N, C-alpha and C. Protein backbone atom coordinates (compact mmCIF):
# COMPACT_ATOMS: atom_id res chain seq x y z
N MET A 1 -51.21 -39.10 -16.14
CA MET A 1 -51.02 -39.26 -14.72
C MET A 1 -50.61 -37.92 -14.10
N LEU A 2 -49.64 -37.24 -14.74
CA LEU A 2 -49.15 -35.98 -14.20
C LEU A 2 -50.21 -34.90 -14.24
N THR A 3 -50.97 -34.85 -15.32
CA THR A 3 -52.02 -33.83 -15.42
C THR A 3 -53.14 -34.08 -14.43
N SER A 4 -53.44 -35.33 -14.17
CA SER A 4 -54.49 -35.61 -13.19
C SER A 4 -54.03 -35.25 -11.78
N LEU A 5 -52.74 -35.42 -11.49
CA LEU A 5 -52.20 -35.06 -10.18
C LEU A 5 -52.22 -33.54 -10.01
N SER A 6 -51.80 -32.78 -11.03
CA SER A 6 -51.82 -31.33 -10.92
C SER A 6 -53.24 -30.80 -10.84
N THR A 7 -54.18 -31.45 -11.51
CA THR A 7 -55.59 -31.04 -11.42
C THR A 7 -56.12 -31.31 -10.03
N THR A 8 -55.74 -32.41 -9.43
CA THR A 8 -56.18 -32.75 -8.08
C THR A 8 -55.62 -31.77 -7.06
N ILE A 9 -54.35 -31.42 -7.21
CA ILE A 9 -53.72 -30.46 -6.29
C ILE A 9 -54.35 -29.08 -6.46
N GLY A 10 -54.61 -28.66 -7.70
CA GLY A 10 -55.25 -27.38 -7.95
C GLY A 10 -56.65 -27.33 -7.37
N ALA A 11 -57.39 -28.40 -7.48
CA ALA A 11 -58.74 -28.44 -6.92
C ALA A 11 -58.69 -28.39 -5.39
N ALA A 12 -57.72 -29.07 -4.80
CA ALA A 12 -57.60 -29.07 -3.34
C ALA A 12 -57.20 -27.68 -2.84
N ALA A 13 -56.33 -27.00 -3.56
CA ALA A 13 -55.90 -25.66 -3.17
C ALA A 13 -57.05 -24.66 -3.31
N ALA A 14 -57.93 -24.88 -4.26
CA ALA A 14 -59.06 -23.97 -4.45
C ALA A 14 -60.06 -24.09 -3.32
N GLN A 15 -60.11 -25.22 -2.65
CA GLN A 15 -61.05 -25.42 -1.56
C GLN A 15 -60.53 -24.87 -0.23
N LEU A 16 -59.24 -24.57 -0.14
CA LEU A 16 -58.67 -24.05 1.11
C LEU A 16 -59.06 -22.60 1.32
N PRO A 17 -59.15 -22.16 2.56
CA PRO A 17 -59.45 -20.74 2.81
C PRO A 17 -58.31 -19.86 2.30
N ALA A 18 -58.61 -18.60 2.04
CA ALA A 18 -57.63 -17.68 1.44
C ALA A 18 -56.44 -17.43 2.35
N ASP A 19 -56.63 -17.38 3.66
CA ASP A 19 -55.50 -17.09 4.54
C ASP A 19 -54.52 -18.27 4.62
N VAL A 20 -54.96 -19.49 4.30
CA VAL A 20 -54.05 -20.62 4.28
C VAL A 20 -53.23 -20.63 3.00
N VAL A 21 -53.85 -20.26 1.89
CA VAL A 21 -53.16 -20.27 0.60
C VAL A 21 -52.12 -19.16 0.54
N HIS A 22 -52.51 -17.96 0.93
CA HIS A 22 -51.62 -16.81 0.81
C HIS A 22 -50.85 -16.50 2.08
N GLY A 23 -51.28 -17.02 3.18
CA GLY A 23 -50.61 -16.75 4.44
C GLY A 23 -51.17 -15.48 5.06
N PRO A 24 -50.84 -15.24 6.31
CA PRO A 24 -51.35 -14.04 6.98
C PRO A 24 -50.72 -12.78 6.39
N GLY A 25 -51.53 -11.80 6.07
CA GLY A 25 -51.03 -10.54 5.54
C GLY A 25 -50.76 -10.57 4.06
N ASP A 26 -51.13 -11.60 3.37
CA ASP A 26 -50.94 -11.72 1.93
C ASP A 26 -49.49 -11.48 1.48
N GLY A 27 -48.54 -12.01 2.20
CA GLY A 27 -47.15 -11.93 1.78
C GLY A 27 -46.41 -10.69 2.28
N PHE A 28 -47.04 -9.85 3.09
CA PHE A 28 -46.37 -8.65 3.61
C PHE A 28 -45.75 -8.89 4.97
N VAL A 29 -45.59 -10.14 5.33
CA VAL A 29 -45.02 -10.48 6.63
C VAL A 29 -43.55 -10.12 6.69
N PHE A 30 -42.84 -10.20 5.60
CA PHE A 30 -41.39 -9.99 5.58
C PHE A 30 -40.99 -8.60 5.12
N TRP A 31 -41.83 -7.61 5.24
CA TRP A 31 -41.50 -6.28 4.71
C TRP A 31 -40.32 -5.62 5.42
N PRO A 32 -40.08 -5.81 6.73
CA PRO A 32 -38.89 -5.17 7.32
C PRO A 32 -37.59 -5.70 6.74
N PHE A 33 -37.58 -6.97 6.37
CA PHE A 33 -36.37 -7.54 5.82
C PHE A 33 -36.06 -6.98 4.44
N PHE A 34 -37.08 -6.56 3.73
CA PHE A 34 -36.88 -5.93 2.43
C PHE A 34 -36.12 -4.62 2.58
N LEU A 35 -36.33 -3.91 3.68
CA LEU A 35 -35.63 -2.65 3.91
C LEU A 35 -34.19 -2.85 4.40
N LEU A 36 -33.90 -4.01 4.95
CA LEU A 36 -32.56 -4.25 5.48
C LEU A 36 -31.51 -4.44 4.39
N ILE A 37 -31.90 -4.93 3.24
CA ILE A 37 -30.93 -5.17 2.16
C ILE A 37 -30.32 -3.85 1.67
N PRO A 38 -31.11 -2.83 1.32
CA PRO A 38 -30.48 -1.56 0.91
C PRO A 38 -29.70 -0.91 2.06
N LEU A 39 -30.21 -1.04 3.29
CA LEU A 39 -29.51 -0.47 4.43
C LEU A 39 -28.14 -1.12 4.60
N PHE A 40 -28.07 -2.42 4.41
CA PHE A 40 -26.80 -3.13 4.49
C PHE A 40 -25.81 -2.60 3.47
N TRP A 41 -26.26 -2.42 2.21
CA TRP A 41 -25.35 -1.95 1.17
C TRP A 41 -24.93 -0.50 1.39
N PHE A 42 -25.84 0.33 1.92
CA PHE A 42 -25.45 1.71 2.25
C PHE A 42 -24.36 1.71 3.32
N LEU A 43 -24.48 0.84 4.31
CA LEU A 43 -23.47 0.77 5.35
C LEU A 43 -22.13 0.25 4.81
N VAL A 44 -22.16 -0.73 3.95
CA VAL A 44 -20.92 -1.28 3.38
C VAL A 44 -20.21 -0.22 2.54
N ILE A 45 -20.95 0.45 1.67
CA ILE A 45 -20.35 1.48 0.82
C ILE A 45 -19.86 2.65 1.67
N GLY A 46 -20.63 3.03 2.69
CA GLY A 46 -20.21 4.11 3.59
C GLY A 46 -18.92 3.77 4.32
N CYS A 47 -18.77 2.52 4.75
CA CYS A 47 -17.53 2.10 5.43
C CYS A 47 -16.35 2.16 4.48
N PHE A 48 -16.55 1.72 3.23
CA PHE A 48 -15.46 1.81 2.25
C PHE A 48 -15.03 3.26 2.04
N ILE A 49 -15.99 4.16 1.92
CA ILE A 49 -15.65 5.57 1.70
C ILE A 49 -14.95 6.15 2.93
N PHE A 50 -15.48 5.87 4.12
CA PHE A 50 -14.89 6.40 5.35
C PHE A 50 -13.45 5.93 5.54
N PHE A 51 -13.24 4.62 5.47
CA PHE A 51 -11.91 4.09 5.72
C PHE A 51 -10.95 4.38 4.56
N GLY A 52 -11.47 4.47 3.34
CA GLY A 52 -10.63 4.83 2.21
C GLY A 52 -10.09 6.25 2.33
N ARG A 53 -10.95 7.18 2.71
CA ARG A 53 -10.49 8.57 2.89
C ARG A 53 -9.50 8.67 4.03
N ARG A 54 -9.77 7.92 5.10
CA ARG A 54 -8.89 7.96 6.25
C ARG A 54 -7.49 7.43 5.90
N MET A 55 -7.44 6.32 5.17
CA MET A 55 -6.16 5.77 4.77
C MET A 55 -5.44 6.69 3.78
N TRP A 56 -6.19 7.33 2.89
CA TRP A 56 -5.57 8.24 1.93
C TRP A 56 -4.93 9.41 2.66
N ARG A 57 -5.63 9.97 3.64
CA ARG A 57 -5.06 11.09 4.40
C ARG A 57 -3.79 10.67 5.13
N ARG A 58 -3.83 9.49 5.75
CA ARG A 58 -2.67 9.02 6.51
C ARG A 58 -1.49 8.79 5.58
N ASN A 59 -1.72 8.18 4.42
CA ASN A 59 -0.64 7.95 3.47
C ASN A 59 -0.13 9.25 2.87
N HIS A 60 -1.03 10.19 2.63
CA HIS A 60 -0.62 11.49 2.08
C HIS A 60 0.29 12.22 3.08
N TYR A 61 -0.09 12.22 4.36
CA TYR A 61 0.74 12.85 5.39
C TYR A 61 2.10 12.15 5.49
N TRP A 62 2.09 10.82 5.47
CA TRP A 62 3.33 10.07 5.59
C TRP A 62 4.26 10.35 4.41
N ALA A 63 3.71 10.42 3.20
CA ALA A 63 4.53 10.68 2.02
C ALA A 63 5.12 12.09 2.06
N ALA A 64 4.34 13.06 2.53
CA ALA A 64 4.85 14.43 2.61
C ALA A 64 5.97 14.53 3.64
N THR A 65 5.81 13.86 4.76
CA THR A 65 6.84 13.89 5.79
C THR A 65 8.08 13.15 5.33
N GLN A 66 7.91 12.00 4.74
CA GLN A 66 9.07 11.24 4.29
C GLN A 66 9.79 11.95 3.16
N GLY A 67 9.07 12.66 2.34
CA GLY A 67 9.71 13.38 1.25
C GLY A 67 10.65 14.46 1.76
N ALA A 68 10.20 15.23 2.74
CA ALA A 68 11.03 16.30 3.30
C ALA A 68 12.24 15.72 4.04
N GLU A 69 12.00 14.67 4.80
CA GLU A 69 13.12 14.07 5.54
C GLU A 69 14.13 13.42 4.61
N SER A 70 13.66 12.83 3.53
CA SER A 70 14.61 12.20 2.61
C SER A 70 15.46 13.25 1.89
N VAL A 71 14.86 14.40 1.55
CA VAL A 71 15.64 15.49 0.94
C VAL A 71 16.69 15.99 1.92
N LEU A 72 16.30 16.11 3.18
CA LEU A 72 17.25 16.56 4.21
C LEU A 72 18.38 15.55 4.39
N ARG A 73 18.06 14.25 4.37
CA ARG A 73 19.10 13.22 4.48
C ARG A 73 20.06 13.27 3.29
N GLU A 74 19.52 13.49 2.11
CA GLU A 74 20.38 13.58 0.92
C GLU A 74 21.31 14.78 1.00
N ARG A 75 20.80 15.92 1.46
CA ARG A 75 21.65 17.11 1.58
C ARG A 75 22.76 16.88 2.60
N TYR A 76 22.43 16.19 3.69
CA TYR A 76 23.45 15.88 4.70
C TYR A 76 24.47 14.89 4.14
N ALA A 77 24.00 13.91 3.38
CA ALA A 77 24.91 12.92 2.81
C ALA A 77 25.84 13.55 1.78
N ARG A 78 25.37 14.55 1.03
CA ARG A 78 26.23 15.22 0.04
C ARG A 78 27.16 16.22 0.68
N GLY A 79 26.97 16.55 1.96
CA GLY A 79 27.84 17.49 2.65
C GLY A 79 27.40 18.94 2.51
N GLU A 80 26.19 19.19 2.04
CA GLU A 80 25.70 20.56 1.90
C GLU A 80 25.39 21.18 3.26
N ILE A 81 25.02 20.35 4.24
CA ILE A 81 24.75 20.86 5.59
C ILE A 81 25.52 19.99 6.57
N ASP A 82 25.85 20.58 7.75
CA ASP A 82 26.57 19.80 8.76
C ASP A 82 25.58 19.10 9.70
N GLU A 83 26.12 18.36 10.67
CA GLU A 83 25.28 17.54 11.52
C GLU A 83 24.36 18.36 12.41
N THR A 84 24.82 19.47 12.95
CA THR A 84 23.96 20.27 13.82
C THR A 84 22.79 20.87 13.04
N GLU A 85 23.08 21.37 11.83
CA GLU A 85 22.00 21.92 11.01
C GLU A 85 21.01 20.81 10.60
N TYR A 86 21.55 19.63 10.31
CA TYR A 86 20.69 18.50 9.96
C TYR A 86 19.74 18.17 11.11
N ARG A 87 20.28 18.06 12.31
CA ARG A 87 19.45 17.71 13.48
C ARG A 87 18.44 18.81 13.79
N GLN A 88 18.83 20.07 13.65
CA GLN A 88 17.89 21.17 13.90
C GLN A 88 16.73 21.13 12.90
N ARG A 89 17.05 20.98 11.64
CA ARG A 89 15.99 20.96 10.62
C ARG A 89 15.11 19.72 10.74
N LEU A 90 15.72 18.59 11.11
CA LEU A 90 14.94 17.38 11.31
C LEU A 90 13.97 17.55 12.48
N GLU A 91 14.42 18.19 13.53
CA GLU A 91 13.55 18.46 14.67
C GLU A 91 12.38 19.38 14.27
N VAL A 92 12.67 20.39 13.47
CA VAL A 92 11.62 21.29 12.99
C VAL A 92 10.61 20.53 12.15
N LEU A 93 11.09 19.66 11.28
CA LEU A 93 10.17 18.88 10.43
C LEU A 93 9.28 17.96 11.26
N ARG A 94 9.82 17.38 12.30
CA ARG A 94 9.04 16.43 13.10
C ARG A 94 8.11 17.12 14.08
N THR A 95 8.42 18.34 14.52
CA THR A 95 7.53 19.03 15.45
C THR A 95 6.45 19.83 14.74
N HIS A 96 6.70 20.29 13.53
CA HIS A 96 5.73 21.07 12.75
C HIS A 96 5.39 20.31 11.49
N PRO A 97 4.47 19.33 11.57
CA PRO A 97 4.15 18.55 10.37
C PRO A 97 3.41 19.40 9.33
N THR A 98 3.60 19.04 8.09
CA THR A 98 2.91 19.75 7.01
C THR A 98 1.45 19.30 6.99
N LYS A 99 0.58 20.17 6.48
CA LYS A 99 -0.84 19.87 6.45
C LYS A 99 -1.25 19.29 5.13
């Protein structure tokens, strides 16, 4: 029964015109969509690289600034520098950030 049904369907498909069986353009109708998949992944990877570098720079700057200020706070807490010197150096650190 199954083989006779597949034979009947195969015979019917053989009688159809070629453009009905394969469709218009022989399957090349969706070619722009084939190009969108790699473009999508290039954009995703590019965004990860862009935002990753940006966050790394921001964190690197923050760590460098916090490191200098924390050393200055420790020196003030130990009594190595007085309050006026602490405030002057803190102002210098905040106005001239390290690169």
